[in-house]
Amino acid sequence: MTARIQDFLNACRNGNENAIAMLIEAGVDIHAQDNDGWNGFHYACANGHANVIAMLIEAGADINAQDNYERNGLDLLHSFTISNTDRLGAISTLINAGITLRSQDLHIDGVQYALDENAAQRALVEQAMIQVDFPQRATQCEDVLDFLFLRL
């Protein structure tokens, strides 16, 4: 493993967003793994760094990636000692990003709460879309400004 990969994994473990951003910009392989099959995403999950998890997802990390022991990000969040606030934030980030849930994941503390919050957010968006007559109105607009300023 190169020093640059090790620096990246350490930055993900420690939640060092600035270092992670610089390493991603420099072209580090975000999928690189250590001997246990952990990549930066796994380290971020194991330590409950929701902002780092989001950065890695945006950079193309596989949110369903498993380590050599077939553990995914939710498993790691459940297995390691993390504050409830960090755990819930990280779980919500994974749920909102579309992690594939297995039946056993529903028993992880915080997963059902994150699913309920996600459903509530979706309901609010759906209501807002109904109020502005989306998507019907969107098909009648020539550009975003027409839609935003109700010009027809």
N, C-alpha and C. Protein backbone atom coordinates (compact mmCIF):
# COMPACT_ATOMS: atom_id res chain seq x y z
N MET A 1 0.85 -1.17 0.00
CA MET A 1 0.00 0.00 0.00
C MET A 1 0.90 1.24 0.00
N THR A 2 0.55 2.17 -0.86
CA THR A 2 1.36 3.38 -0.97
C THR A 2 1.10 4.31 0.23
N ALA A 3 2.03 5.22 0.45
CA ALA A 3 1.88 6.19 1.54
C ALA A 3 0.66 7.07 1.30
N ARG A 4 0.39 7.39 0.05
CA ARG A 4 -0.76 8.25 -0.28
C ARG A 4 -2.08 7.55 0.07
N ILE A 5 -2.17 6.26 -0.21
CA ILE A 5 -3.37 5.50 0.15
C ILE A 5 -3.49 5.44 1.67
N GLN A 6 -2.38 5.19 2.36
CA GLN A 6 -2.42 5.14 3.81
C GLN A 6 -2.85 6.48 4.40
N ASP A 7 -2.36 7.57 3.82
CA ASP A 7 -2.78 8.91 4.27
C ASP A 7 -4.28 9.09 4.08
N PHE A 8 -4.79 8.61 2.95
CA PHE A 8 -6.22 8.73 2.67
C PHE A 8 -7.03 7.93 3.68
N LEU A 9 -6.64 6.69 3.93
CA LEU A 9 -7.37 5.86 4.89
C LEU A 9 -7.34 6.47 6.29
N ASN A 10 -6.18 7.00 6.68
CA ASN A 10 -6.07 7.66 7.99
C ASN A 10 -6.96 8.91 8.06
N ALA A 11 -7.00 9.67 6.98
CA ALA A 11 -7.84 10.87 6.95
C ALA A 11 -9.31 10.48 7.08
N CYS A 12 -9.72 9.40 6.43
CA CYS A 12 -11.11 8.93 6.54
C CYS A 12 -11.39 8.43 7.95
N ARG A 13 -10.44 7.73 8.54
CA ARG A 13 -10.60 7.22 9.91
C ARG A 13 -10.77 8.39 10.89
N ASN A 14 -10.00 9.45 10.68
CA ASN A 14 -9.98 10.57 11.61
C ASN A 14 -10.98 11.67 11.26
N GLY A 15 -11.64 11.56 10.12
CA GLY A 15 -12.62 12.57 9.72
C GLY A 15 -12.01 13.87 9.24
N ASN A 16 -10.81 13.80 8.69
CA ASN A 16 -10.10 14.99 8.22
C ASN A 16 -10.59 15.36 6.81
N GLU A 17 -11.65 16.15 6.76
CA GLU A 17 -12.30 16.47 5.49
C GLU A 17 -11.38 17.23 4.53
N ASN A 18 -10.56 18.13 5.05
CA ASN A 18 -9.66 18.89 4.18
C ASN A 18 -8.65 17.98 3.50
N ALA A 19 -8.05 17.08 4.26
CA ALA A 19 -7.07 16.16 3.68
C ALA A 19 -7.74 15.24 2.66
N ILE A 20 -8.93 14.77 2.99
CA ILE A 20 -9.66 13.89 2.07
C ILE A 20 -9.95 14.61 0.76
N ALA A 21 -10.43 15.84 0.86
CA ALA A 21 -10.74 16.62 -0.35
C ALA A 21 -9.49 16.81 -1.20
N MET A 22 -8.37 17.13 -0.56
CA MET A 22 -7.11 17.33 -1.32
C MET A 22 -6.66 16.03 -1.97
N LEU A 23 -6.76 14.92 -1.26
CA LEU A 23 -6.33 13.63 -1.82
C LEU A 23 -7.24 13.18 -2.96
N ILE A 24 -8.54 13.39 -2.82
CA ILE A 24 -9.46 13.06 -3.91
C ILE A 24 -9.15 13.92 -5.13
N GLU A 25 -8.94 15.20 -4.90
CA GLU A 25 -8.60 16.13 -5.99
C GLU A 25 -7.31 15.70 -6.68
N ALA A 26 -6.38 15.15 -5.90
CA ALA A 26 -5.09 14.71 -6.45
C ALA A 26 -5.18 13.35 -7.14
N GLY A 27 -6.38 12.73 -7.09
CA GLY A 27 -6.59 11.48 -7.82
C GLY A 27 -6.36 10.21 -7.04
N VAL A 28 -6.43 10.27 -5.71
CA VAL A 28 -6.25 9.05 -4.92
C VAL A 28 -7.35 8.05 -5.28
N ASP A 29 -7.01 6.78 -5.23
CA ASP A 29 -7.98 5.73 -5.51
C ASP A 29 -8.86 5.54 -4.28
N ILE A 30 -10.10 6.06 -4.33
CA ILE A 30 -10.97 5.98 -3.16
C ILE A 30 -11.45 4.56 -2.88
N HIS A 31 -11.21 3.65 -3.81
CA HIS A 31 -11.63 2.26 -3.63
C HIS A 31 -10.51 1.38 -3.09
N ALA A 32 -9.32 1.95 -2.91
CA ALA A 32 -8.18 1.17 -2.42
C ALA A 32 -8.49 0.60 -1.04
N GLN A 33 -8.05 -0.65 -0.82
CA GLN A 33 -8.37 -1.35 0.42
C GLN A 33 -7.11 -1.75 1.17
N ASP A 34 -7.30 -1.90 2.50
CA ASP A 34 -6.22 -2.44 3.31
C ASP A 34 -6.34 -3.96 3.33
N ASN A 35 -5.57 -4.63 4.17
CA ASN A 35 -5.56 -6.10 4.21
C ASN A 35 -6.88 -6.70 4.68
N ASP A 36 -7.70 -5.93 5.38
CA ASP A 36 -9.00 -6.42 5.84
C ASP A 36 -10.12 -6.09 4.86
N GLY A 37 -9.76 -5.48 3.73
CA GLY A 37 -10.76 -5.12 2.74
C GLY A 37 -11.46 -3.80 3.05
N TRP A 38 -10.90 -3.04 3.98
CA TRP A 38 -11.48 -1.75 4.32
C TRP A 38 -10.95 -0.68 3.38
N ASN A 39 -11.86 0.15 2.89
CA ASN A 39 -11.45 1.34 2.14
C ASN A 39 -11.82 2.56 2.98
N GLY A 40 -11.64 3.74 2.44
CA GLY A 40 -11.92 4.95 3.20
C GLY A 40 -13.37 5.02 3.67
N PHE A 41 -14.28 4.54 2.85
CA PHE A 41 -15.69 4.51 3.21
C PHE A 41 -15.92 3.70 4.48
N HIS A 42 -15.28 2.53 4.58
CA HIS A 42 -15.44 1.70 5.77
C HIS A 42 -14.92 2.40 7.01
N TYR A 43 -13.76 3.06 6.88
CA TYR A 43 -13.21 3.78 8.03
C TYR A 43 -14.11 4.92 8.46
N ALA A 44 -14.66 5.63 7.50
CA ALA A 44 -15.58 6.74 7.82
C ALA A 44 -16.82 6.21 8.53
N CYS A 45 -17.36 5.09 8.06
CA CYS A 45 -18.54 4.50 8.69
C CYS A 45 -18.22 4.01 10.10
N ALA A 46 -17.11 3.31 10.26
CA ALA A 46 -16.75 2.75 11.56
C ALA A 46 -16.57 3.84 12.61
N ASN A 47 -16.28 5.05 12.17
CA ASN A 47 -16.07 6.16 13.09
C ASN A 47 -17.19 7.18 13.09
N GLY A 48 -18.24 6.92 12.33
CA GLY A 48 -19.43 7.76 12.34
C GLY A 48 -19.25 9.14 11.75
N HIS A 49 -18.37 9.28 10.77
CA HIS A 49 -18.10 10.58 10.15
C HIS A 49 -19.06 10.81 8.97
N ALA A 50 -20.27 11.31 9.27
CA ALA A 50 -21.31 11.47 8.25
C ALA A 50 -20.85 12.39 7.12
N ASN A 51 -20.15 13.47 7.43
CA ASN A 51 -19.70 14.38 6.37
C ASN A 51 -18.70 13.71 5.44
N VAL A 52 -17.83 12.89 6.01
CA VAL A 52 -16.85 12.17 5.19
C VAL A 52 -17.56 11.12 4.33
N ILE A 53 -18.53 10.44 4.93
CA ILE A 53 -19.31 9.46 4.17
C ILE A 53 -19.96 10.14 2.97
N ALA A 54 -20.56 11.30 3.19
CA ALA A 54 -21.19 12.03 2.09
C ALA A 54 -20.18 12.44 1.03
N MET A 55 -19.00 12.89 1.47
CA MET A 55 -17.95 13.28 0.51
C MET A 55 -17.55 12.09 -0.36
N LEU A 56 -17.38 10.94 0.27
CA LEU A 56 -16.95 9.75 -0.45
C LEU A 56 -18.02 9.24 -1.40
N ILE A 57 -19.28 9.32 -0.98
CA ILE A 57 -20.38 8.94 -1.87
C ILE A 57 -20.39 9.85 -3.09
N GLU A 58 -20.24 11.14 -2.85
CA GLU A 58 -20.21 12.10 -3.96
C GLU A 58 -19.04 11.83 -4.90
N ALA A 59 -17.94 11.34 -4.35
CA ALA A 59 -16.75 11.05 -5.15
C ALA A 59 -16.85 9.69 -5.87
N GLY A 60 -17.93 8.94 -5.59
CA GLY A 60 -18.13 7.68 -6.30
C GLY A 60 -17.92 6.42 -5.48
N ALA A 61 -17.84 6.54 -4.17
CA ALA A 61 -17.67 5.34 -3.33
C ALA A 61 -18.90 4.45 -3.44
N ASP A 62 -18.67 3.17 -3.36
CA ASP A 62 -19.75 2.18 -3.40
C ASP A 62 -20.33 2.06 -1.99
N ILE A 63 -21.56 2.53 -1.78
CA ILE A 63 -22.14 2.52 -0.45
C ILE A 63 -22.51 1.11 0.02
N ASN A 64 -22.50 0.16 -0.87
CA ASN A 64 -22.80 -1.22 -0.50
C ASN A 64 -21.54 -2.08 -0.40
N ALA A 65 -20.38 -1.46 -0.47
CA ALA A 65 -19.11 -2.20 -0.42
C ALA A 65 -18.99 -2.98 0.89
N GLN A 66 -18.48 -4.20 0.77
CA GLN A 66 -18.27 -5.04 1.94
C GLN A 66 -16.78 -5.28 2.12
N ASP A 67 -16.38 -5.46 3.39
CA ASP A 67 -14.99 -5.78 3.67
C ASP A 67 -14.78 -7.29 3.50
N ASN A 68 -13.62 -7.79 3.89
CA ASN A 68 -13.32 -9.22 3.73
C ASN A 68 -14.20 -10.11 4.59
N TYR A 69 -14.89 -9.53 5.55
CA TYR A 69 -15.75 -10.29 6.45
C TYR A 69 -17.22 -10.07 6.13
N GLU A 70 -17.49 -9.54 4.94
CA GLU A 70 -18.83 -9.29 4.41
C GLU A 70 -19.62 -8.28 5.24
N ARG A 71 -18.92 -7.32 5.85
CA ARG A 71 -19.58 -6.26 6.59
C ARG A 71 -19.65 -5.01 5.72
N ASN A 72 -20.82 -4.37 5.74
CA ASN A 72 -20.97 -3.11 5.00
C ASN A 72 -20.93 -1.94 5.98
N GLY A 73 -21.20 -0.74 5.50
CA GLY A 73 -21.13 0.45 6.33
C GLY A 73 -22.08 0.41 7.52
N LEU A 74 -23.29 -0.10 7.32
CA LEU A 74 -24.23 -0.19 8.44
C LEU A 74 -23.73 -1.16 9.49
N ASP A 75 -23.15 -2.27 9.07
CA ASP A 75 -22.60 -3.23 10.02
C ASP A 75 -21.52 -2.58 10.88
N LEU A 76 -20.68 -1.78 10.25
CA LEU A 76 -19.59 -1.14 10.96
C LEU A 76 -20.11 -0.07 11.92
N LEU A 77 -21.12 0.67 11.50
CA LEU A 77 -21.73 1.65 12.38
C LEU A 77 -22.32 0.98 13.61
N HIS A 78 -22.84 -0.21 13.43
CA HIS A 78 -23.46 -0.97 14.51
C HIS A 78 -22.42 -1.62 15.42
N SER A 79 -21.27 -1.98 14.86
CA SER A 79 -20.26 -2.77 15.58
C SER A 79 -19.31 -1.94 16.44
N PHE A 80 -19.13 -0.68 16.10
CA PHE A 80 -18.14 0.13 16.79
C PHE A 80 -18.81 1.14 17.70
N THR A 81 -18.11 1.55 18.75
CA THR A 81 -18.63 2.51 19.71
C THR A 81 -18.58 3.91 19.12
N ILE A 82 -19.74 4.44 18.83
CA ILE A 82 -19.89 5.77 18.23
C ILE A 82 -21.01 6.47 18.99
N SER A 83 -20.91 7.77 19.16
CA SER A 83 -21.99 8.50 19.84
C SER A 83 -23.29 8.34 19.05
N ASN A 84 -24.40 8.43 19.76
CA ASN A 84 -25.70 8.28 19.10
C ASN A 84 -25.92 9.33 18.02
N THR A 85 -25.47 10.56 18.28
CA THR A 85 -25.63 11.63 17.29
C THR A 85 -24.86 11.30 16.02
N ASP A 86 -23.60 10.87 16.16
CA ASP A 86 -22.80 10.51 14.99
C ASP A 86 -23.38 9.31 14.27
N ARG A 87 -23.84 8.32 15.04
CA ARG A 87 -24.42 7.11 14.44
C ARG A 87 -25.66 7.47 13.61
N LEU A 88 -26.57 8.26 14.20
CA LEU A 88 -27.80 8.62 13.49
C LEU A 88 -27.51 9.44 12.25
N GLY A 89 -26.56 10.37 12.35
CA GLY A 89 -26.19 11.17 11.18
C GLY A 89 -25.63 10.31 10.07
N ALA A 90 -24.76 9.37 10.42
CA ALA A 90 -24.16 8.50 9.41
C ALA A 90 -25.19 7.55 8.81
N ILE A 91 -26.06 7.00 9.66
CA ILE A 91 -27.11 6.11 9.14
C ILE A 91 -28.04 6.88 8.20
N SER A 92 -28.43 8.08 8.58
CA SER A 92 -29.29 8.88 7.72
C SER A 92 -28.62 9.18 6.39
N THR A 93 -27.33 9.47 6.43
CA THR A 93 -26.60 9.72 5.19
C THR A 93 -26.65 8.50 4.28
N LEU A 94 -26.44 7.32 4.84
CA LEU A 94 -26.47 6.09 4.05
C LEU A 94 -27.87 5.80 3.51
N ILE A 95 -28.88 5.97 4.35
CA ILE A 95 -30.27 5.72 3.93
C ILE A 95 -30.65 6.68 2.80
N ASN A 96 -30.34 7.97 2.99
CA ASN A 96 -30.70 8.97 1.98
C ASN A 96 -29.95 8.75 0.68
N ALA A 97 -28.76 8.14 0.75
CA ALA A 97 -27.99 7.88 -0.46
C ALA A 97 -28.43 6.59 -1.16
N GLY A 98 -29.28 5.81 -0.49
CA GLY A 98 -29.84 4.63 -1.14
C GLY A 98 -29.12 3.32 -0.86
N ILE A 99 -28.49 3.20 0.31
CA ILE A 99 -27.84 1.92 0.63
C ILE A 99 -28.86 0.80 0.55
N THR A 100 -28.43 -0.35 0.08
CA THR A 100 -29.30 -1.51 0.01
C THR A 100 -29.47 -2.07 1.41
N LEU A 101 -30.71 -2.12 1.86
CA LEU A 101 -31.00 -2.63 3.19
C LEU A 101 -31.33 -4.11 3.14
N ARG A 102 -30.79 -4.84 4.10
CA ARG A 102 -31.10 -6.26 4.28
C ARG A 102 -32.05 -6.37 5.46
N SER A 103 -32.76 -7.46 5.58
CA SER A 103 -33.74 -7.59 6.66
C SER A 103 -33.09 -7.39 8.02
N GLN A 104 -31.86 -7.88 8.22
CA GLN A 104 -31.20 -7.73 9.51
C GLN A 104 -30.84 -6.27 9.81
N ASP A 105 -30.74 -5.43 8.78
CA ASP A 105 -30.40 -4.02 9.00
C ASP A 105 -31.51 -3.27 9.73
N LEU A 106 -32.74 -3.73 9.58
CA LEU A 106 -33.87 -3.05 10.20
C LEU A 106 -33.82 -3.14 11.73
N HIS A 107 -33.00 -4.03 12.26
CA HIS A 107 -32.86 -4.18 13.70
C HIS A 107 -31.72 -3.34 14.26
N ILE A 108 -30.97 -2.69 13.41
CA ILE A 108 -29.88 -1.82 13.86
C ILE A 108 -30.47 -0.55 14.42
N ASP A 109 -30.05 -0.19 15.63
CA ASP A 109 -30.56 1.01 16.28
C ASP A 109 -30.33 2.23 15.40
N GLY A 110 -31.40 2.92 15.07
CA GLY A 110 -31.32 4.14 14.27
C GLY A 110 -31.77 3.98 12.83
N VAL A 111 -31.80 2.76 12.33
CA VAL A 111 -32.17 2.55 10.92
C VAL A 111 -33.64 2.90 10.69
N GLN A 112 -34.52 2.40 11.55
CA GLN A 112 -35.94 2.69 11.36
C GLN A 112 -36.21 4.17 11.51
N TYR A 113 -35.54 4.82 12.45
CA TYR A 113 -35.69 6.26 12.63
C TYR A 113 -35.28 6.99 11.34
N ALA A 114 -34.13 6.61 10.77
CA ALA A 114 -33.65 7.25 9.54
C ALA A 114 -34.61 7.00 8.38
N LEU A 115 -35.17 5.81 8.31
CA LEU A 115 -36.16 5.51 7.26
C LEU A 115 -37.41 6.38 7.43
N ASP A 116 -37.86 6.54 8.67
CA ASP A 116 -39.03 7.37 8.92
C ASP A 116 -38.76 8.83 8.57
N GLU A 117 -37.58 9.32 8.92
CA GLU A 117 -37.20 10.70 8.59
C GLU A 117 -37.12 10.89 7.08
N ASN A 118 -36.56 9.90 6.38
CA ASN A 118 -36.46 9.96 4.93
C ASN A 118 -37.85 10.01 4.32
N ALA A 119 -38.76 9.19 4.83
CA ALA A 119 -40.14 9.17 4.31
C ALA A 119 -40.83 10.51 4.56
N ALA A 120 -40.59 11.11 5.72
CA ALA A 120 -41.19 12.40 6.03
C ALA A 120 -40.66 13.48 5.08
N GLN A 121 -39.36 13.45 4.80
CA GLN A 121 -38.77 14.42 3.87
C GLN A 121 -39.35 14.24 2.48
N ARG A 122 -39.51 13.02 2.06
CA ARG A 122 -40.07 12.75 0.74
C ARG A 122 -41.52 13.23 0.65
N ALA A 123 -42.27 13.06 1.73
CA ALA A 123 -43.66 13.51 1.74
C ALA A 123 -43.73 15.03 1.61
N LEU A 124 -42.82 15.74 2.29
CA LEU A 124 -42.79 17.20 2.18
C LEU A 124 -42.48 17.64 0.76
N VAL A 125 -41.53 16.98 0.14
CA VAL A 125 -41.16 17.31 -1.24
C VAL A 125 -42.34 17.03 -2.18
N GLU A 126 -42.99 15.90 -1.95
CA GLU A 126 -44.14 15.55 -2.79
C GLU A 126 -45.24 16.60 -2.66
N GLN A 127 -45.52 17.07 -1.45
CA GLN A 127 -46.53 18.10 -1.25
C GLN A 127 -46.14 19.41 -1.94
N ALA A 128 -44.86 19.76 -1.86
CA ALA A 128 -44.39 20.98 -2.54
C ALA A 128 -44.54 20.84 -4.05
N MET A 129 -44.26 19.66 -4.57
CA MET A 129 -44.39 19.44 -6.01
C MET A 129 -45.85 19.54 -6.44
N ILE A 130 -46.75 19.06 -5.61
CA ILE A 130 -48.19 19.16 -5.92
C ILE A 130 -48.62 20.62 -5.91
N GLN A 131 -48.12 21.38 -4.95
CA GLN A 131 -48.51 22.80 -4.84
C GLN A 131 -48.08 23.61 -6.06
N VAL A 132 -46.98 23.24 -6.67
CA VAL A 132 -46.53 24.00 -7.86
C VAL A 132 -46.91 23.28 -9.15
N ASP A 133 -47.75 22.24 -9.03
CA ASP A 133 -48.23 21.49 -10.19
C ASP A 133 -47.08 20.90 -11.01
N PHE A 134 -46.11 20.36 -10.30
CA PHE A 134 -44.99 19.70 -10.95
C PHE A 134 -45.35 18.24 -11.10
N PRO A 135 -45.13 17.54 -12.15
CA PRO A 135 -44.33 17.89 -13.32
C PRO A 135 -45.13 18.51 -14.47
N GLN A 136 -46.45 18.57 -14.34
CA GLN A 136 -47.26 19.12 -15.43
C GLN A 136 -46.79 20.50 -15.85
N ARG A 137 -46.61 21.40 -14.87
CA ARG A 137 -46.16 22.76 -15.19
C ARG A 137 -44.78 22.74 -15.81
N ALA A 138 -43.94 21.85 -15.36
CA ALA A 138 -42.56 21.80 -15.87
C ALA A 138 -42.54 21.51 -17.36
N THR A 139 -43.49 20.71 -17.83
CA THR A 139 -43.52 20.39 -19.27
C THR A 139 -43.99 21.58 -20.10
N GLN A 140 -44.64 22.56 -19.47
CA GLN A 140 -45.13 23.74 -20.17
C GLN A 140 -44.13 24.89 -20.18
N CYS A 141 -43.03 24.74 -19.43
CA CYS A 141 -42.04 25.83 -19.31
C CYS A 141 -40.90 25.62 -20.29
N GLU A 142 -40.41 26.73 -20.81
CA GLU A 142 -39.27 26.66 -21.72
C GLU A 142 -37.95 26.61 -20.97
N ASP A 143 -37.91 27.20 -19.79
CA ASP A 143 -36.67 27.16 -19.01
C ASP A 143 -37.01 27.21 -17.52
N VAL A 144 -36.00 27.08 -16.70
CA VAL A 144 -36.17 27.06 -15.26
C VAL A 144 -36.79 28.36 -14.76
N LEU A 145 -36.42 29.48 -15.34
CA LEU A 145 -36.96 30.76 -14.89
C LEU A 145 -38.46 30.84 -15.09
N ASP A 146 -38.96 30.28 -16.19
CA ASP A 146 -40.40 30.22 -16.40
C ASP A 146 -41.07 29.47 -15.24
N PHE A 147 -40.46 28.36 -14.89
CA PHE A 147 -41.03 27.53 -13.82
C PHE A 147 -40.95 28.25 -12.47
N LEU A 148 -39.79 28.81 -12.16
CA LEU A 148 -39.60 29.46 -10.87
C LEU A 148 -40.46 30.69 -10.68
N PHE A 149 -40.65 31.46 -11.73
CA PHE A 149 -41.37 32.71 -11.60
C PHE A 149 -42.77 32.64 -12.19
N LEU A 150 -43.25 31.41 -12.40
CA LEU A 150 -44.62 31.16 -12.85
C LEU A 150 -44.96 31.88 -14.15
N ARG A 151 -43.96 32.05 -15.00
CA ARG A 151 -44.22 32.69 -16.31
C ARG A 151 -44.70 31.62 -17.28
N LEU A 152 -45.83 31.83 -17.84
CA LEU A 152 -46.35 30.89 -18.85
C LEU A 152 -46.83 31.65 -20.06
